[in-house]
């Protein structure tokens, strides 16, 4: 368990663990208070990691190394980059790595429960809906979706499927689209 946590300090935070932090993480894992997935999530959501302000490409590479114990392959990395470009959250991408056979094997090797993480943002609830809304941003506004707008549009569609047909009208009628002409 100690080595599992050390890996995360090294691969995610790029530093050696402080003794108090290491012991704290080890204790909650050993006592079954948390899972491997939750610990990785907490490292990724830590202020220390967030302050690094890593690019999507670097973030995905960190996940390959820390959750799959290997560097990325070009096809896999390209697929995850496409998800990032479509506006899926970093937690969505992390969950994909956590659900991998490789991460499950790492957890087995270290004798910890793999677990999972819960996704709560609308943009992470349905792949097809998120890709559709992202495509509308690209076609009508010529840009990637912003988080707030993507969550709003996907939320409307998830609440009422018929809303999807009205989405293009919403983009065409937007101030941003009108000013773009």
C-alpha atoms as a PDB file:
ATOM      1  CA  UNK A   1       0.000   0.000   0.000  1.00  0.00           C
ATOM      2  CA  UNK A   2       2.844   2.337   0.866  1.00  0.00           C
ATOM      3  CA  UNK A   3       4.350   1.815  -2.596  1.00  0.00           C
ATOM      4  CA  UNK A   4       0.982   2.499  -4.269  1.00  0.00           C
ATOM      5  CA  UNK A   5       0.833   5.888  -2.559  1.00  0.00           C
ATOM      6  CA  UNK A   6       4.521   6.613  -3.282  1.00  0.00           C
ATOM      7  CA  UNK A   7       3.817   6.031  -6.990  1.00  0.00           C
ATOM      8  CA  UNK A   8       1.118   8.692  -6.931  1.00  0.00           C
ATOM      9  CA  UNK A   9       3.389  11.231  -5.280  1.00  0.00           C
ATOM     10  CA  UNK A  10       6.036  10.509  -7.883  1.00  0.00           C
ATOM     11  CA  UNK A  11       3.861  10.203 -11.005  1.00  0.00           C
ATOM     12  CA  UNK A  12       1.143  12.763 -10.258  1.00  0.00           C
ATOM     13  CA  UNK A  13       2.809  15.366  -8.038  1.00  0.00           C
ATOM     14  CA  UNK A  14       6.349  14.708  -9.326  1.00  0.00           C
ATOM     15  CA  UNK A  15       7.907  14.719  -5.891  1.00  0.00           C
ATOM     16  CA  UNK A  16       8.792  12.505  -2.979  1.00  0.00           C
ATOM     17  CA  UNK A  17       6.065  12.102  -0.370  1.00  0.00           C
ATOM     18  CA  UNK A  18       6.197  13.933   2.907  1.00  0.00           C
ATOM     19  CA  UNK A  19       6.092  11.383   5.743  1.00  0.00           C
ATOM     20  CA  UNK A  20       2.872  12.682   7.325  1.00  0.00           C
ATOM     21  CA  UNK A  21       1.014  12.698   4.009  1.00  0.00           C
ATOM     22  CA  UNK A  22       2.269   9.254   3.095  1.00  0.00           C
ATOM     23  CA  UNK A  23       1.184   7.800   6.436  1.00  0.00           C
ATOM     24  CA  UNK A  24      -2.217   9.433   6.222  1.00  0.00           C
ATOM     25  CA  UNK A  25      -2.942   7.978   2.767  1.00  0.00           C
ATOM     26  CA  UNK A  26      -1.628   4.558   3.739  1.00  0.00           C
ATOM     27  CA  UNK A  27      -3.804   4.480   6.864  1.00  0.00           C
ATOM     28  CA  UNK A  28      -7.053   5.324   5.071  1.00  0.00           C
ATOM     29  CA  UNK A  29      -6.350   2.695   2.424  1.00  0.00           C
ATOM     30  CA  UNK A  30      -5.364  -0.001   4.911  1.00  0.00           C
ATOM     31  CA  UNK A  31      -8.373   0.758   7.136  1.00  0.00           C
ATOM     32  CA  UNK A  32     -10.721   0.554   4.135  1.00  0.00           C
ATOM     33  CA  UNK A  33     -11.845   4.160   4.554  1.00  0.00           C
ATOM     34  CA  UNK A  34     -11.158   4.898   0.889  1.00  0.00           C
ATOM     35  CA  UNK A  35     -10.359   3.109  -2.369  1.00  0.00           C
ATOM     36  CA  UNK A  36      -7.542   3.313  -4.877  1.00  0.00           C
ATOM     37  CA  UNK A  37      -9.813   5.209  -7.269  1.00  0.00           C
ATOM     38  CA  UNK A  38     -10.694   7.788  -4.645  1.00  0.00           C
ATOM     39  CA  UNK A  39      -7.053   8.310  -3.691  1.00  0.00           C
ATOM     40  CA  UNK A  40      -6.056   8.894  -7.320  1.00  0.00           C
ATOM     41  CA  UNK A  41      -9.004  11.283  -7.678  1.00  0.00           C
ATOM     42  CA  UNK A  42      -7.930  13.182  -4.567  1.00  0.00           C
ATOM     43  CA  UNK A  43      -4.362  13.515  -5.860  1.00  0.00           C
ATOM     44  CA  UNK A  44      -5.710  14.826  -9.197  1.00  0.00           C
ATOM     45  CA  UNK A  45      -8.056  17.269  -7.440  1.00  0.00           C
ATOM     46  CA  UNK A  46      -5.427  18.436  -4.953  1.00  0.00           C
ATOM     47  CA  UNK A  47      -4.504  22.131  -5.034  1.00  0.00           C
ATOM     48  CA  UNK A  48      -0.886  21.080  -5.558  1.00  0.00           C
ATOM     49  CA  UNK A  49      -1.735  19.232  -8.786  1.00  0.00           C
ATOM     50  CA  UNK A  50      -4.244  21.819 -10.004  1.00  0.00           C
ATOM     51  CA  UNK A  51      -1.649  24.586  -9.541  1.00  0.00           C
ATOM     52  CA  UNK A  52       0.588  22.754 -12.015  1.00  0.00           C
ATOM     53  CA  UNK A  53      -1.955  23.747 -14.692  1.00  0.00           C
ATOM     54  CA  UNK A  54      -0.984  20.833 -16.928  1.00  0.00           C
ATOM     55  CA  UNK A  55      -2.236  20.675 -20.506  1.00  0.00           C
ATOM     56  CA  UNK A  56      -4.818  18.065 -21.509  1.00  0.00           C
ATOM     57  CA  UNK A  57      -2.074  16.163 -23.309  1.00  0.00           C
ATOM     58  CA  UNK A  58       0.151  16.091 -20.209  1.00  0.00           C
ATOM     59  CA  UNK A  59      -2.834  15.211 -17.990  1.00  0.00           C
ATOM     60  CA  UNK A  60      -3.646  12.188 -20.142  1.00  0.00           C
ATOM     61  CA  UNK A  61      -0.008  11.094 -20.134  1.00  0.00           C
ATOM     62  CA  UNK A  62       0.052  11.332 -16.327  1.00  0.00           C
ATOM     63  CA  UNK A  63      -3.051   9.118 -16.192  1.00  0.00           C
ATOM     64  CA  UNK A  64      -1.473   6.531 -18.485  1.00  0.00           C
ATOM     65  CA  UNK A  65       1.593   6.375 -16.280  1.00  0.00           C
ATOM     66  CA  UNK A  66      -0.163   6.423 -12.904  1.00  0.00           C
ATOM     67  CA  UNK A  67      -3.253   4.330 -13.711  1.00  0.00           C
ATOM     68  CA  UNK A  68      -1.929   1.968 -16.388  1.00  0.00           C
ATOM     69  CA  UNK A  69       1.750   1.844 -15.467  1.00  0.00           C
ATOM     70  CA  UNK A  70       2.827   2.626 -19.016  1.00  0.00           C
ATOM     71  CA  UNK A  71       3.240   5.470 -21.468  1.00  0.00           C
ATOM     72  CA  UNK A  72       0.378   6.269 -23.814  1.00  0.00           C
ATOM     73  CA  UNK A  73      -0.101   4.697 -27.213  1.00  0.00           C
ATOM     74  CA  UNK A  74      -0.919   7.132 -30.020  1.00  0.00           C
ATOM     75  CA  UNK A  75      -4.409   5.765 -30.804  1.00  0.00           C
ATOM     76  CA  UNK A  76      -5.457   5.709 -27.154  1.00  0.00           C
ATOM     77  CA  UNK A  77      -4.080   9.133 -26.402  1.00  0.00           C
ATOM     78  CA  UNK A  78      -5.763  10.543 -29.494  1.00  0.00           C
ATOM     79  CA  UNK A  79      -9.124   9.114 -28.393  1.00  0.00           C
ATOM     80  CA  UNK A  80      -8.785  10.651 -24.917  1.00  0.00           C
ATOM     81  CA  UNK A  81      -7.689  13.989 -26.396  1.00  0.00           C
ATOM     82  CA  UNK A  82     -10.843  13.967 -28.525  1.00  0.00           C
ATOM     83  CA  UNK A  83     -12.917  13.508 -25.344  1.00  0.00           C
ATOM     84  CA  UNK A  84     -11.154  16.485 -23.768  1.00  0.00           C
ATOM     85  CA  UNK A  85     -11.764  18.583 -26.899  1.00  0.00           C
ATOM     86  CA  UNK A  86     -15.443  17.580 -26.843  1.00  0.00           C
ATOM     87  CA  UNK A  87     -15.696  19.061 -23.350  1.00  0.00           C
ATOM     88  CA  UNK A  88     -15.798  16.017 -21.089  1.00  0.00           C
ATOM     89  CA  UNK A  89     -14.397  16.752 -17.633  1.00  0.00           C
ATOM     90  CA  UNK A  90     -11.023  15.595 -16.436  1.00  0.00           C
ATOM     91  CA  UNK A  91     -12.819  13.400 -13.900  1.00  0.00           C
ATOM     92  CA  UNK A  92     -14.656  11.713 -16.771  1.00  0.00           C
ATOM     93  CA  UNK A  93     -11.322  10.958 -18.391  1.00  0.00           C
ATOM     94  CA  UNK A  94      -9.879   9.783 -15.067  1.00  0.00           C
ATOM     95  CA  UNK A  95     -12.816   7.427 -14.556  1.00  0.00           C
ATOM     96  CA  UNK A  96     -12.033   5.817 -17.907  1.00  0.00           C
ATOM     97  CA  UNK A  97      -8.530   5.049 -16.698  1.00  0.00           C
ATOM     98  CA  UNK A  98      -9.727   3.855 -13.301  1.00  0.00           C
ATOM     99  CA  UNK A  99     -12.108   1.399 -14.954  1.00  0.00           C
ATOM    100  CA  UNK A 100      -9.288  -0.102 -17.016  1.00  0.00           C
ATOM    101  CA  UNK A 101      -7.992  -3.641 -16.543  1.00  0.00           C
ATOM    102  CA  UNK A 102      -4.536  -2.166 -15.998  1.00  0.00           C
ATOM    103  CA  UNK A 103      -5.645  -0.067 -13.009  1.00  0.00           C
ATOM    104  CA  UNK A 104      -7.577  -3.006 -11.583  1.00  0.00           C
ATOM    105  CA  UNK A 105      -4.400  -5.082 -11.815  1.00  0.00           C
ATOM    106  CA  UNK A 106      -2.314  -2.372 -10.114  1.00  0.00           C
ATOM    107  CA  UNK A 107      -4.801  -2.310  -7.238  1.00  0.00           C
ATOM    108  CA  UNK A 108      -4.742  -6.116  -6.977  1.00  0.00           C
ATOM    109  CA  UNK A 109      -0.942  -6.109  -6.919  1.00  0.00           C
ATOM    110  CA  UNK A 110      -0.910  -3.608  -4.058  1.00  0.00           C
ATOM    111  CA  UNK A 111      -3.753  -5.319  -2.198  1.00  0.00           C
ATOM    112  CA  UNK A 112      -6.185  -2.417  -2.238  1.00  0.00           C
ATOM    113  CA  UNK A 113      -9.801  -2.081  -3.294  1.00  0.00           C
ATOM    114  CA  UNK A 114     -10.036  -0.443  -6.719  1.00  0.00           C
ATOM    115  CA  UNK A 115     -13.342   1.359  -6.231  1.00  0.00           C
ATOM    116  CA  UNK A 116     -14.688   3.937  -8.629  1.00  0.00           C
ATOM    117  CA  UNK A 117     -15.570   7.604  -8.757  1.00  0.00           C
ATOM    118  CA  UNK A 118     -18.941   9.249  -9.278  1.00  0.00           C
ATOM    119  CA  UNK A 119     -19.456  11.768 -12.031  1.00  0.00           C
ATOM    120  CA  UNK A 120     -21.985  14.498 -11.294  1.00  0.00           C
ATOM    121  CA  UNK A 121     -21.708  17.015 -14.129  1.00  0.00           C
ATOM    122  CA  UNK A 122     -24.300  16.839 -16.915  1.00  0.00           C
ATOM    123  CA  UNK A 123     -21.572  16.808 -19.560  1.00  0.00           C
ATOM    124  CA  UNK A 124     -20.287  13.506 -18.175  1.00  0.00           C
ATOM    125  CA  UNK A 125     -23.596  11.623 -18.084  1.00  0.00           C
ATOM    126  CA  UNK A 126     -24.131  10.612 -21.725  1.00  0.00           C
ATOM    127  CA  UNK A 127     -21.394  10.361 -24.354  1.00  0.00           C
ATOM    128  CA  UNK A 128     -23.693  10.834 -27.330  1.00  0.00           C
ATOM    129  CA  UNK A 129     -25.439  13.881 -25.915  1.00  0.00           C
ATOM    130  CA  UNK A 130     -22.168  15.564 -24.978  1.00  0.00           C
ATOM    131  CA  UNK A 131     -20.619  14.890 -28.374  1.00  0.00           C
ATOM    132  CA  UNK A 132     -23.773  16.239 -30.084  1.00  0.00           C
ATOM    133  CA  UNK A 133     -23.750  19.480 -28.084  1.00  0.00           C
ATOM    134  CA  UNK A 134     -19.999  19.856 -28.616  1.00  0.00           C
ATOM    135  CA  UNK A 135     -20.495  19.427 -32.349  1.00  0.00           C
ATOM    136  CA  UNK A 136     -23.137  22.191 -32.313  1.00  0.00           C
ATOM    137  CA  UNK A 137     -20.638  24.516 -30.624  1.00  0.00           C
ATOM    138  CA  UNK A 138     -18.110  23.694 -33.316  1.00  0.00           C
ATOM    139  CA  UNK A 139     -20.493  24.032 -36.264  1.00  0.00           C
ATOM    140  CA  UNK A 140     -22.448  27.091 -35.183  1.00  0.00           C
ATOM    141  CA  UNK A 141     -19.949  29.020 -33.063  1.00  0.00           C
ATOM    142  CA  UNK A 142     -16.653  27.719 -34.440  1.00  0.00           C
ATOM    143  CA  UNK A 143     -15.239  26.914 -31.012  1.00  0.00           C
ATOM    144  CA  UNK A 144     -14.960  24.368 -28.255  1.00  0.00           C
ATOM    145  CA  UNK A 145     -17.765  24.376 -25.718  1.00  0.00           C
ATOM    146  CA  UNK A 146     -17.397  26.225 -22.454  1.00  0.00           C
ATOM    147  CA  UNK A 147     -18.066  24.183 -19.313  1.00  0.00           C
ATOM    148  CA  UNK A 148     -21.101  26.140 -18.123  1.00  0.00           C
ATOM    149  CA  UNK A 149     -22.799  26.124 -21.522  1.00  0.00           C
ATOM    150  CA  UNK A 150     -22.054  22.469 -22.161  1.00  0.00           C
ATOM    151  CA  UNK A 151     -23.458  21.470 -18.776  1.00  0.00           C
ATOM    152  CA  UNK A 152     -26.532  23.623 -19.389  1.00  0.00           C
ATOM    153  CA  UNK A 153     -27.309  22.294 -22.886  1.00  0.00           C
ATOM    154  CA  UNK A 154     -26.620  18.664 -21.973  1.00  0.00           C
ATOM    155  CA  UNK A 155     -28.770  19.035 -18.859  1.00  0.00           C
ATOM    156  CA  UNK A 156     -31.705  20.247 -20.921  1.00  0.00           C
ATOM    157  CA  UNK A 157     -31.393  17.326 -23.333  1.00  0.00           C
ATOM    158  CA  UNK A 158     -30.976  14.778 -20.544  1.00  0.00           C
ATOM    159  CA  UNK A 159     -34.124  16.112 -18.858  1.00  0.00           C
ATOM    160  CA  UNK A 160     -36.157  16.124 -22.092  1.00  0.00           C
ATOM    161  CA  UNK A 161     -34.902  14.178 -25.106  1.00  0.00           C
ATOM    162  CA  UNK A 162     -37.104  16.201 -27.489  1.00  0.00           C
ATOM    163  CA  UNK A 163     -35.015  19.248 -26.603  1.00  0.00           C
ATOM    164  CA  UNK A 164     -32.177  17.878 -28.762  1.00  0.00           C
ATOM    165  CA  UNK A 165     -34.057  18.789 -31.945  1.00  0.00           C
ATOM    166  CA  UNK A 166     -34.384  22.400 -30.746  1.00  0.00           C
ATOM    167  CA  UNK A 167     -30.689  22.773 -29.952  1.00  0.00           C
ATOM    168  CA  UNK A 168     -29.551  24.119 -33.358  1.00  0.00           C
ATOM    169  CA  UNK A 169     -32.212  26.838 -33.158  1.00  0.00           C
ATOM    170  CA  UNK A 170     -30.837  27.831 -29.765  1.00  0.00           C
ATOM    171  CA  UNK A 171     -27.350  28.253 -31.211  1.00  0.00           C
ATOM    172  CA  UNK A 172     -28.574  30.089 -34.325  1.00  0.00           C
ATOM    173  CA  UNK A 173     -30.606  32.459 -32.165  1.00  0.00           C
ATOM    174  CA  UNK A 174     -27.753  33.179 -29.766  1.00  0.00           C
ATOM    175  CA  UNK A 175     -26.103  36.586 -29.563  1.00  0.00           C
ATOM    176  CA  UNK A 176     -22.732  34.957 -30.189  1.00  0.00           C
ATOM    177  CA  UNK A 177     -23.923  33.433 -33.481  1.00  0.00           C
ATOM    178  CA  UNK A 178     -25.663  36.623 -34.618  1.00  0.00           C
ATOM    179  CA  UNK A 179     -22.559  38.739 -33.882  1.00  0.00           C
ATOM    180  CA  UNK A 180     -20.417  36.230 -35.735  1.00  0.00           C
ATOM    181  CA  UNK A 181     -22.070  36.971 -39.100  1.00  0.00           C
END
